[in-house]
Amino acid sequence: MQKLKCICKGLKKPDVALLIIRIGVGGIFIMAGIQKLSNMEMTSMMFGQMGFGVFWAWAVAILETLGGLAVLLGAGTMIASAILVVIMIVASIVMIRMGGFMAMMSPFAYLFASLSLIFSGAGRYSLESRCSCWKSGTCDSMSGDCACGGTPDDCGCPTDCSDCDCNAGQSDMTVKTTQCVCSNGVCVCDSSCEDCGCEK
């Protein structure tokens, strides 16, 4: 049982999960957008049957393609996902009116997948994470926090981040280091020790 718990714990990689979601969501929207753009006459006719003009046919085709690419690469993921969410909300409503619940299951799934990326962001494996301005600096994940991995000046962090006064009696799992780190301009403890005076 303990071995199974260790295996399960080792599989908990949120950044890998976000990458998988981005590949799936971004790839599907890119293919959908390119398919629309490759036959705009058919796309315009289809949108006309749903009550939308040619402008919206072009807009959706372009936004799906570019938005999907942004999600896939992890560049402007939250903004791109928000645009895709709006498109999928409209698509879900149209599908409910035209074909009922079964017809809207697919756009509904993409709606919630895109919605989750608005709140999660792109994760570590993205172009955003390479930018020095991402989350107030070049950041590394430490104990669940995004802590400053560059110089204090890069992150806007105070230079007097003092050492934590960790309880030496705690287990090795909680006392990995006694160094306080800077997260979003605030000194926080990068371990779970109780005597740091840091927020958990």
Foldseek 3Di string as FASTA:
>chain_A
DVVVVVVVVVPPDVLVVLLVLLCVLLVVLLVVLVVCVVCVVVQQVVVVVLPDHSVVSNVSSVLSNVLSVCSNQQHCLLVSLVVLLVVLVVVLVSQCVVPNDVSSPVSVVSNVSSVVCNVVGRHCRHPLQVDQPRQQGNFDQFPNATFHPDDCVSRVADPCLDWFPFDPPDDCQQPVDRGWTHGNRDTARRGNGDRRPHDD
